[in-house]
Amino acid sequence: MRLELEINNHEEHGVQYWPLFLLQTGEHVGCCGLQPHQEGIYQLGFQLRAAFWGRGFAREAGESVVEHAFTTLGIRALYAGHHPDNQASRGVLSHLGFHYTHDEFYPPTGRIEPCYLLLRSAFPEFSAR
C-alpha cells in the first residue's frame, strides 16, 4: 500500500518520500520527502530510524527537500505536522522556517497534532524563481 502511494505520487506529482542512506556505510537512515496536501501545498515529512535520532539527519534532509520543493518544483507552500511529544521534530521544523498554524487530528496516531506552514514567499532566494 505505501509503495503504491509513493509510486503514484512520483508519477502524478513528481514527489515521494526518498530513502536516506549513510554515505560512509550505506546504512538505511530513514526517509524524507513530499506528498500532495492541498492545491499548491505539499506536505513535508521525515521518519528516521531511532539509531539515527539526534544526529542532524532530519534537518539536513529537510533543508534539501525544502530547497527542491521551492526551486525545482516551484511549490508555493509546505505543510508539516508532528507527534505532540516529539520536541525534536518541532525543533527541525522551526529551524527550517515553519510557523505553527493550528492543531489537527491525525488519524494514524489518533492524536491531536500541531501543524505548521512554510511559504515560499518567506524566502526571497526562492520566491524569484
Foldseek 3Di string as FASTA:
>chain_A
DLVVQQVVQCVPPVWHWAWDADPVPRHTFWTWIWGPDDVLEIETDTDGDPVCPPVCPCLVVVLVRVCCCLAVVVRFKYKYKDDAVPVVVVVSCVVSPWDWDDWDQDVVVRDTIIMTMDGLVVPPVRVVD
